[in-house]
Amino acid sequence: MKPQITQTDADSRDPQTFAIIGAAMEVHKKLGPGFLEAVYQEASAIELADRGIPFHREAETPVCFKGHRLSPRYRADFLCCENLVVELTAASF
């Protein structure tokens, strides 16, 4: 018997991730391509706030390797909902 592939229900998606992706899509829709990452980051902060999505901008997080805390720290563009890391990348083609 072959495994059955079914379409994922919109209701079964993680609502926090879905909301963050929606905010990112809105920023891209309104600004379009061509700007530096800083422009998208500022617009994303506005959009996340407008949507009531909790976030910390440029959240610094310690990095551990095999039980050892490393000197360099990781700085995420956004930490949303206390547990979702969001990294922005602007690319020109």
PDB file of N, CA and C in Angstrom:
ATOM      1  N   MET A   1       0.846  -1.182   0.000  1.00  0.00           N
ATOM      2  CA  MET A   1       0.000   0.000   0.000  1.00  0.00           C
ATOM      3  C   MET A   1       0.891   1.244   0.000  1.00  0.00           C
ATOM      4  N   LYS A   2       0.590   2.189  -0.867  1.00  0.00           N
ATOM      5  CA  LYS A   2       1.351   3.434  -0.960  1.00  0.00           C
ATOM      6  C   LYS A   2       0.901   4.399   0.124  1.00  0.00           C
ATOM      7  N   PRO A   3       1.864   5.177   0.694  1.00  0.00           N
ATOM      8  CA  PRO A   3       1.452   6.186   1.679  1.00  0.00           C
ATOM      9  C   PRO A   3       0.628   7.269   0.999  1.00  0.00           C
ATOM     10  N   GLN A   4      -0.339   7.762   1.715  1.00  0.00           N
ATOM     11  CA  GLN A   4      -1.202   8.801   1.173  1.00  0.00           C
ATOM     12  C   GLN A   4      -0.639  10.178   1.516  1.00  0.00           C
ATOM     13  N   ILE A   5      -0.594  11.040   0.531  1.00  0.00           N
ATOM     14  CA  ILE A   5      -0.134  12.417   0.737  1.00  0.00           C
ATOM     15  C   ILE A   5      -1.356  13.305   0.744  1.00  0.00           C
ATOM     16  N   THR A   6      -1.493  14.076   1.809  1.00  0.00           N
ATOM     17  CA  THR A   6      -2.638  14.976   1.911  1.00  0.00           C
ATOM     18  C   THR A   6      -2.166  16.404   2.081  1.00  0.00           C
ATOM     19  N   GLN A   7      -2.990  17.328   1.678  1.00  0.00           N
ATOM     20  CA  GLN A   7      -2.670  18.744   1.830  1.00  0.00           C
ATOM     21  C   GLN A   7      -2.806  19.133   3.290  1.00  0.00           C
ATOM     22  N   THR A   8      -1.881  19.954   3.769  1.00  0.00           N
ATOM     23  CA  THR A   8      -1.909  20.404   5.157  1.00  0.00           C
ATOM     24  C   THR A   8      -3.014  21.433   5.335  1.00  0.00           C
ATOM     25  N   ASP A   9      -3.778  21.269   6.385  1.00  0.00           N
ATOM     26  CA  ASP A   9      -4.818  22.229   6.733  1.00  0.00           C
ATOM     27  C   ASP A   9      -4.189  23.522   7.228  1.00  0.00           C
ATOM     28  N   ALA A  10      -4.722  24.659   6.848  1.00  0.00           N
ATOM     29  CA  ALA A  10      -4.202  25.939   7.329  1.00  0.00           C
ATOM     30  C   ALA A  10      -4.286  26.010   8.855  1.00  0.00           C
ATOM     31  N   ASP A  11      -5.308  25.362   9.437  1.00  0.00           N
ATOM     32  CA  ASP A  11      -5.479  25.398  10.888  1.00  0.00           C
ATOM     33  C   ASP A  11      -4.420  24.597  11.637  1.00  0.00           C
ATOM     34  N   SER A  12      -3.729  23.659  10.950  1.00  0.00           N
ATOM     35  CA  SER A  12      -2.733  22.844  11.634  1.00  0.00           C
ATOM     36  C   SER A  12      -1.352  23.493  11.642  1.00  0.00           C
ATOM     37  N   ARG A  13      -1.191  24.605  10.955  1.00  0.00           N
ATOM     38  CA  ARG A  13       0.090  25.310  10.955  1.00  0.00           C
ATOM     39  C   ARG A  13       0.293  26.015  12.290  1.00  0.00           C
ATOM     40  N   ASP A  14       1.557  26.232  12.631  1.00  0.00           N
ATOM     41  CA  ASP A  14       1.866  26.975  13.845  1.00  0.00           C
ATOM     42  C   ASP A  14       1.391  28.412  13.651  1.00  0.00           C
ATOM     43  N   PRO A  15       0.471  28.903  14.464  1.00  0.00           N
ATOM     44  CA  PRO A  15      -0.091  30.239  14.246  1.00  0.00           C
ATOM     45  C   PRO A  15       0.936  31.364  14.400  1.00  0.00           C
ATOM     46  N   GLN A  16       1.908  31.188  15.285  1.00  0.00           N
ATOM     47  CA  GLN A  16       2.921  32.236  15.455  1.00  0.00           C
ATOM     48  C   GLN A  16       3.794  32.347  14.209  1.00  0.00           C
ATOM     49  N   THR A  17       4.261  31.213  13.713  1.00  0.00           N
ATOM     50  CA  THR A  17       5.088  31.213  12.506  1.00  0.00           C
ATOM     51  C   THR A  17       4.298  31.752  11.324  1.00  0.00           C
ATOM     52  N   PHE A  18       3.059  31.334  11.199  1.00  0.00           N
ATOM     53  CA  PHE A  18       2.190  31.795  10.120  1.00  0.00           C
ATOM     54  C   PHE A  18       2.029  33.315  10.165  1.00  0.00           C
ATOM     55  N   ALA A  19       1.853  33.882  11.356  1.00  0.00           N
ATOM     56  CA  ALA A  19       1.694  35.334  11.511  1.00  0.00           C
ATOM     57  C   ALA A  19       2.973  36.081  11.137  1.00  0.00           C
ATOM     58  N   ILE A  20       4.122  35.536  11.515  1.00  0.00           N
ATOM     59  CA  ILE A  20       5.399  36.176  11.200  1.00  0.00           C
ATOM     60  C   ILE A  20       5.658  36.145   9.700  1.00  0.00           C
ATOM     61  N   ILE A  21       5.373  35.015   9.067  1.00  0.00           N
ATOM     62  CA  ILE A  21       5.542  34.929   7.610  1.00  0.00           C
ATOM     63  C   ILE A  21       4.608  35.910   6.915  1.00  0.00           C
ATOM     64  N   GLY A  22       3.393  36.041   7.415  1.00  0.00           N
ATOM     65  CA  GLY A  22       2.453  37.004   6.848  1.00  0.00           C
ATOM     66  C   GLY A  22       2.972  38.428   6.943  1.00  0.00           C
ATOM     67  N   ALA A  23       3.586  38.763   8.069  1.00  0.00           N
ATOM     68  CA  ALA A  23       4.163  40.103   8.241  1.00  0.00           C
ATOM     69  C   ALA A  23       5.310  40.318   7.253  1.00  0.00           C
ATOM     70  N   ALA A  24       6.152  39.301   7.083  1.00  0.00           N
ATOM     71  CA  ALA A  24       7.275  39.413   6.142  1.00  0.00           C
ATOM     72  C   ALA A  24       6.776  39.578   4.705  1.00  0.00           C
ATOM     73  N   MET A  25       5.729  38.864   4.365  1.00  0.00           N
ATOM     74  CA  MET A  25       5.160  38.971   3.012  1.00  0.00           C
ATOM     75  C   MET A  25       4.587  40.367   2.765  1.00  0.00           C
ATOM     76  N   GLU A  26       3.978  40.938   3.790  1.00  0.00           N
ATOM     77  CA  GLU A  26       3.424  42.293   3.663  1.00  0.00           C
ATOM     78  C   GLU A  26       4.536  43.316   3.433  1.00  0.00           C
ATOM     79  N   VAL A  27       5.636  43.178   4.171  1.00  0.00           N
ATOM     80  CA  VAL A  27       6.773  44.087   3.992  1.00  0.00           C
ATOM     81  C   VAL A  27       7.310  43.967   2.575  1.00  0.00           C
ATOM     82  N   HIS A  28       7.486  42.750   2.108  1.00  0.00           N
ATOM     83  CA  HIS A  28       8.007  42.553   0.753  1.00  0.00           C
ATOM     84  C   HIS A  28       7.037  43.083  -0.298  1.00  0.00           C
ATOM     85  N   LYS A  29       5.736  42.876  -0.079  1.00  0.00           N
ATOM     86  CA  LYS A  29       4.721  43.347  -1.024  1.00  0.00           C
ATOM     87  C   LYS A  29       4.738  44.873  -1.128  1.00  0.00           C
ATOM     88  N   LYS A  30       4.873  45.545   0.009  1.00  0.00           N
ATOM     89  CA  LYS A  30       4.834  47.014   0.017  1.00  0.00           C
ATOM     90  C   LYS A  30       6.138  47.644  -0.461  1.00  0.00           C
ATOM     91  N   LEU A  31       7.289  47.076  -0.081  1.00  0.00           N
ATOM     92  CA  LEU A  31       8.572  47.686  -0.437  1.00  0.00           C
ATOM     93  C   LEU A  31       9.150  47.161  -1.743  1.00  0.00           C
ATOM     94  N   GLY A  32       8.896  45.892  -2.032  1.00  0.00           N
ATOM     95  CA  GLY A  32       9.491  45.282  -3.219  1.00  0.00           C
ATOM     96  C   GLY A  32      10.977  45.048  -3.020  1.00  0.00           C
ATOM     97  N   PRO A  33      11.658  44.649  -4.081  1.00  0.00           N
ATOM     98  CA  PRO A  33      13.096  44.345  -3.980  1.00  0.00           C
ATOM     99  C   PRO A  33      13.952  45.593  -4.115  1.00  0.00           C
ATOM    100  N   GLY A  34      15.235  45.451  -3.753  1.00  0.00           N
ATOM    101  CA  GLY A  34      16.205  46.500  -4.050  1.00  0.00           C
ATOM    102  C   GLY A  34      16.756  47.292  -2.893  1.00  0.00           C
ATOM    103  N   PHE A  35      16.217  47.132  -1.705  1.00  0.00           N
ATOM    104  CA  PHE A  35      16.699  47.904  -0.566  1.00  0.00           C
ATOM    105  C   PHE A  35      17.741  47.115   0.230  1.00  0.00           C
ATOM    106  N   LEU A  36      18.494  47.815   1.049  1.00  0.00           N
ATOM    107  CA  LEU A  36      19.423  47.165   1.958  1.00  0.00           C
ATOM    108  C   LEU A  36      18.641  46.506   3.097  1.00  0.00           C
ATOM    109  N   GLU A  37      19.300  45.573   3.770  1.00  0.00           N
ATOM    110  CA  GLU A  37      18.653  44.823   4.838  1.00  0.00           C
ATOM    111  C   GLU A  37      18.110  45.738   5.938  1.00  0.00           C
ATOM    112  N   ALA A  38      18.804  46.823   6.228  1.00  0.00           N
ATOM    113  CA  ALA A  38      18.372  47.738   7.295  1.00  0.00           C
ATOM    114  C   ALA A  38      16.978  48.313   7.024  1.00  0.00           C
ATOM    115  N   VAL A  39      16.658  48.558   5.771  1.00  0.00           N
ATOM    116  CA  VAL A  39      15.337  49.094   5.410  1.00  0.00           C
ATOM    117  C   VAL A  39      14.264  48.045   5.704  1.00  0.00           C
ATOM    118  N   TYR A  40      14.519  46.815   5.288  1.00  0.00           N
ATOM    119  CA  TYR A  40      13.554  45.746   5.545  1.00  0.00           C
ATOM    120  C   TYR A  40      13.421  45.458   7.039  1.00  0.00           C
ATOM    121  N   GLN A  41      14.522  45.595   7.763  1.00  0.00           N
ATOM    122  CA  GLN A  41      14.473  45.350   9.204  1.00  0.00           C
ATOM    123  C   GLN A  41      13.605  46.400   9.906  1.00  0.00           C
ATOM    124  N   GLU A  42      13.766  47.648   9.529  1.00  0.00           N
ATOM    125  CA  GLU A  42      12.955  48.714  10.137  1.00  0.00           C
ATOM    126  C   GLU A  42      11.477  48.541   9.792  1.00  0.00           C
ATOM    127  N   ALA A  43      11.200  48.235   8.534  1.00  0.00           N
ATOM    128  CA  ALA A  43       9.811  48.021   8.110  1.00  0.00           C
ATOM    129  C   ALA A  43       9.222  46.791   8.801  1.00  0.00           C
ATOM    130  N   SER A  44      10.020  45.761   8.970  1.00  0.00           N
ATOM    131  CA  SER A  44       9.545  44.541   9.639  1.00  0.00           C
ATOM    132  C   SER A  44       9.195  44.813  11.097  1.00  0.00           C
ATOM    133  N   ALA A  45       9.987  45.634  11.765  1.00  0.00           N
ATOM    134  CA  ALA A  45       9.692  45.995  13.152  1.00  0.00           C
ATOM    135  C   ALA A  45       8.347  46.713  13.235  1.00  0.00           C
ATOM    136  N   ILE A  46       8.088  47.596  12.296  1.00  0.00           N
ATOM    137  CA  ILE A  46       6.804  48.317  12.271  1.00  0.00           C
ATOM    138  C   ILE A  46       5.659  47.345  12.040  1.00  0.00           C
ATOM    139  N   GLU A  47       5.836  46.445  11.067  1.00  0.00           N
ATOM    140  CA  GLU A  47       4.772  45.496  10.734  1.00  0.00           C
ATOM    141  C   GLU A  47       4.514  44.515  11.868  1.00  0.00           C
ATOM    142  N   LEU A  48       5.556  44.010  12.493  1.00  0.00           N
ATOM    143  CA  LEU A  48       5.371  43.099  13.624  1.00  0.00           C
ATOM    144  C   LEU A  48       4.623  43.795  14.760  1.00  0.00           C
ATOM    145  N   ALA A  49       5.004  45.030  15.048  1.00  0.00           N
ATOM    146  CA  ALA A  49       4.326  45.794  16.105  1.00  0.00           C
ATOM    147  C   ALA A  49       2.867  46.051  15.741  1.00  0.00           C
ATOM    148  N   ASP A  50       2.617  46.431  14.495  1.00  0.00           N
ATOM    149  CA  ASP A  50       1.236  46.684  14.050  1.00  0.00           C
ATOM    150  C   ASP A  50       0.355  45.444  14.194  1.00  0.00           C
ATOM    151  N   ARG A  51       0.959  44.278  14.003  1.00  0.00           N
ATOM    152  CA  ARG A  51       0.201  43.027  14.090  1.00  0.00           C
ATOM    153  C   ARG A  51       0.161  42.461  15.512  1.00  0.00           C
ATOM    154  N   GLY A  52       0.795  43.156  16.445  1.00  0.00           N
ATOM    155  CA  GLY A  52       0.785  42.701  17.836  1.00  0.00           C
ATOM    156  C   GLY A  52       1.633  41.466  18.085  1.00  0.00           C
ATOM    157  N   ILE A  53       2.624  41.250  17.231  1.00  0.00           N
ATOM    158  CA  ILE A  53       3.518  40.105  17.399  1.00  0.00           C
ATOM    159  C   ILE A  53       4.666  40.539  18.303  1.00  0.00           C
ATOM    160  N   PRO A  54       4.831  39.910  19.453  1.00  0.00           N
ATOM    161  CA  PRO A  54       5.913  40.322  20.363  1.00  0.00           C
ATOM    162  C   PRO A  54       7.281  39.971  19.775  1.00  0.00           C
ATOM    163  N   PHE A  55       8.224  40.914  19.898  1.00  0.00           N
ATOM    164  CA  PHE A  55       9.558  40.686  19.351  1.00  0.00           C
ATOM    165  C   PHE A  55      10.598  41.502  20.084  1.00  0.00           C
ATOM    166  N   HIS A  56      11.843  41.027  19.994  1.00  0.00           N
ATOM    167  CA  HIS A  56      13.016  41.775  20.432  1.00  0.00           C
ATOM    168  C   HIS A  56      13.888  41.929  19.196  1.00  0.00           C
ATOM    169  N   ARG A  57      14.347  43.126  18.962  1.00  0.00           N
ATOM    170  CA  ARG A  57      15.178  43.389  17.790  1.00  0.00           C
ATOM    171  C   ARG A  57      16.641  43.217  18.159  1.00  0.00           C
ATOM    172  N   GLU A  58      17.420  42.607  17.261  1.00  0.00           N
ATOM    173  CA  GLU A  58      18.852  42.361  17.456  1.00  0.00           C
ATOM    174  C   GLU A  58      19.102  41.650  18.783  1.00  0.00           C
ATOM    175  N   ALA A  59      18.343  40.583  18.996  1.00  0.00           N
ATOM    176  CA  ALA A  59      18.429  39.819  20.239  1.00  0.00           C
ATOM    177  C   ALA A  59      19.747  39.045  20.293  1.00  0.00           C
ATOM    178  N   GLU A  60      20.500  39.266  21.350  1.00  0.00           N
ATOM    179  CA  GLU A  60      21.790  38.590  21.522  1.00  0.00           C
ATOM    180  C   GLU A  60      21.582  37.310  22.315  1.00  0.00           C
ATOM    181  N   THR A  61      22.141  36.225  21.798  1.00  0.00           N
ATOM    182  CA  THR A  61      21.972  34.912  22.402  1.00  0.00           C
ATOM    183  C   THR A  61      23.324  34.242  22.566  1.00  0.00           C
ATOM    184  N   PRO A  62      23.596  33.664  23.730  1.00  0.00           N
ATOM    185  CA  PRO A  62      24.863  32.936  23.880  1.00  0.00           C
ATOM    186  C   PRO A  62      24.859  31.675  23.020  1.00  0.00           C
ATOM    187  N   VAL A  63      26.056  31.256  22.630  1.00  0.00           N
ATOM    188  CA  VAL A  63      26.217  30.039  21.827  1.00  0.00           C
ATOM    189  C   VAL A  63      27.017  29.031  22.648  1.00  0.00           C
ATOM    190  N   CYS A  64      26.507  27.810  22.720  1.00  0.00           N
ATOM    191  CA  CYS A  64      27.198  26.748  23.448  1.00  0.00           C
ATOM    192  C   CYS A  64      27.593  25.639  22.490  1.00  0.00           C
ATOM    193  N   PHE A  65      28.732  25.028  22.774  1.00  0.00           N
ATOM    194  CA  PHE A  65      29.233  23.898  21.998  1.00  0.00           C
ATOM    195  C   PHE A  65      29.750  22.857  22.968  1.00  0.00           C
ATOM    196  N   LYS A  66      29.114  21.691  22.939  1.00  0.00           N
ATOM    197  CA  LYS A  66      29.497  20.582  23.805  1.00  0.00           C
ATOM    198  C   LYS A  66      29.624  21.007  25.273  1.00  0.00           C
ATOM    199  N   GLY A  67      28.645  21.784  25.710  1.00  0.00           N
ATOM    200  CA  GLY A  67      28.623  22.212  27.101  1.00  0.00           C
ATOM    201  C   GLY A  67      29.482  23.415  27.430  1.00  0.00           C
ATOM    202  N   HIS A  68      30.181  23.964  26.443  1.00  0.00           N
ATOM    203  CA  HIS A  68      31.038  25.135  26.661  1.00  0.00           C
ATOM    204  C   HIS A  68      30.391  26.364  26.025  1.00  0.00           C
ATOM    205  N   ARG A  69      30.333  27.419  26.791  1.00  0.00           N
ATOM    206  CA  ARG A  69      29.823  28.683  26.251  1.00  0.00           C
ATOM    207  C   ARG A  69      30.938  29.344  25.451  1.00  0.00           C
ATOM    208  N   LEU A  70      30.646  29.663  24.199  1.00  0.00           N
ATOM    209  CA  LEU A  70      31.633  30.287  23.319  1.00  0.00           C
ATOM    210  C   LEU A  70      31.650  31.797  23.514  1.00  0.00           C
ATOM    211  N   SER A  71      32.793  32.407  23.267  1.00  0.00           N
ATOM    212  CA  SER A  71      32.931  33.861  23.420  1.00  0.00           C
ATOM    213  C   SER A  71      32.038  34.634  22.453  1.00  0.00           C
ATOM    214  N   PRO A  72      32.038  34.275  21.159  1.00  0.00           N
ATOM    215  CA  PRO A  72      31.152  35.012  20.254  1.00  0.00           C
ATOM    216  C   PRO A  72      29.692  34.754  20.603  1.00  0.00           C
ATOM    217  N   ARG A  73      28.906  35.764  20.465  1.00  0.00           N
ATOM    218  CA  ARG A  73      27.472  35.615  20.702  1.00  0.00           C
ATOM    219  C   ARG A  73      26.737  35.777  19.380  1.00  0.00           C
ATOM    220  N   TYR A  74      25.630  35.105  19.290  1.00  0.00           N
ATOM    221  CA  TYR A  74      24.791  35.173  18.091  1.00  0.00           C
ATOM    222  C   TYR A  74      23.799  36.311  18.268  1.00  0.00           C
ATOM    223  N   ARG A  75      23.684  37.157  17.256  1.00  0.00           N
ATOM    224  CA  ARG A  75      22.740  38.271  17.310  1.00  0.00           C
ATOM    225  C   ARG A  75      21.710  38.084  16.196  1.00  0.00           C
ATOM    226  N   ALA A  76      20.509  37.711  16.592  1.00  0.00           N
ATOM    227  CA  ALA A  76      19.423  37.489  15.639  1.00  0.00           C
ATOM    228  C   ALA A  76      18.783  38.823  15.269  1.00  0.00           C
ATOM    229  N   ASP A  77      18.329  38.951  14.031  1.00  0.00           N
ATOM    230  CA  ASP A  77      17.627  40.175  13.628  1.00  0.00           C
ATOM    231  C   ASP A  77      16.399  40.386  14.514  1.00  0.00           C
ATOM    232  N   PHE A  78      15.633  39.328  14.719  1.00  0.00           N
ATOM    233  CA  PHE A  78      14.457  39.392  15.592  1.00  0.00           C
ATOM    234  C   PHE A  78      14.327  38.090  16.366  1.00  0.00           C
ATOM    235  N   LEU A  79      13.896  38.198  17.597  1.00  0.00           N
ATOM    236  CA  LEU A  79      13.437  37.051  18.363  1.00  0.00           C
ATOM    237  C   LEU A  79      11.958  37.324  18.604  1.00  0.00           C
ATOM    238  N   CYS A  80      11.105  36.528  17.982  1.00  0.00           N
ATOM    239  CA  CYS A  80       9.660  36.749  18.056  1.00  0.00           C
ATOM    240  C   CYS A  80       9.006  35.716  18.964  1.00  0.00           C
ATOM    241  N   CYS A  81       8.019  36.152  19.700  1.00  0.00           N
ATOM    242  CA  CYS A  81       7.224  35.270  20.557  1.00  0.00           C
ATOM    243  C   CYS A  81       8.105  34.486  21.514  1.00  0.00           C
ATOM    244  N   GLU A  82       9.243  35.044  21.883  1.00  0.00           N
ATOM    245  CA  GLU A  82      10.187  34.479  22.850  1.00  0.00           C
ATOM    246  C   GLU A  82      10.904  33.206  22.400  1.00  0.00           C
ATOM    247  N   ASN A  83      10.524  32.638  21.222  1.00  0.00           N
ATOM    248  CA  ASN A  83      11.187  31.386  20.846  1.00  0.00           C
ATOM    249  C   ASN A  83      11.411  31.195  19.347  1.00  0.00           C
ATOM    250  N   LEU A  84      11.086  32.188  18.525  1.00  0.00           N
ATOM    251  CA  LEU A  84      11.271  32.061  17.077  1.00  0.00           C
ATOM    252  C   LEU A  84      12.313  33.068  16.592  1.00  0.00           C
ATOM    253  N   VAL A  85      13.387  32.562  16.013  1.00  0.00           N
ATOM    254  CA  VAL A  85      14.449  33.416  15.480  1.00  0.00           C
ATOM    255  C   VAL A  85      14.090  33.781  14.051  1.00  0.00           C
ATOM    256  N   VAL A  86      14.173  35.070  13.729  1.00  0.00           N
ATOM    257  CA  VAL A  86      13.897  35.555  12.376  1.00  0.00           C
ATOM    258  C   VAL A  86      15.133  36.284  11.882  1.00  0.00           C
ATOM    259  N   GLU A  87      15.676  35.805  10.783  1.00  0.00           N
ATOM    260  CA  GLU A  87      16.828  36.421  10.136  1.00  0.00           C
ATOM    261  C   GLU A  87      16.398  36.995   8.793  1.00  0.00           C
ATOM    262  N   LEU A  88      16.737  38.224   8.539  1.00  0.00           N
ATOM    263  CA  LEU A  88      16.420  38.860   7.262  1.00  0.00           C
ATOM    264  C   LEU A  88      17.639  38.829   6.366  1.00  0.00           C
ATOM    265  N   THR A  89      17.416  38.673   5.080  1.00  0.00           N
ATOM    266  CA  THR A  89      18.497  38.719   4.107  1.00  0.00           C
ATOM    267  C   THR A  89      18.008  39.483   2.898  1.00  0.00           C
ATOM    268  N   ALA A  90      18.759  40.472   2.478  1.00  0.00           N
ATOM    269  CA  ALA A  90      18.434  41.204   1.259  1.00  0.00           C
ATOM    270  C   ALA A  90      19.440  40.792   0.200  1.00  0.00           C
ATOM    271  N   ALA A  91      18.937  40.412  -0.951  1.00  0.00           N
ATOM    272  CA  ALA A  91      19.814  39.967  -2.040  1.00  0.00           C
ATOM    273  C   ALA A  91      19.470  40.735  -3.298  1.00  0.00           C
ATOM    274  N   SER A  92      20.489  41.055  -4.055  1.00  0.00           N
ATOM    275  CA  SER A  92      20.240  41.704  -5.349  1.00  0.00           C
ATOM    276  C   SER A  92      20.578  40.696  -6.448  1.00  0.00           C
ATOM    277  N   PHE A  93      19.749  40.697  -7.461  1.00  0.00           N
ATOM    278  CA  PHE A  93      19.938  39.777  -8.576  1.00  0.00           C
ATOM    279  C   PHE A  93      20.093  40.535  -9.860  1.00  0.00           C
TER     280      PHE A  93
END
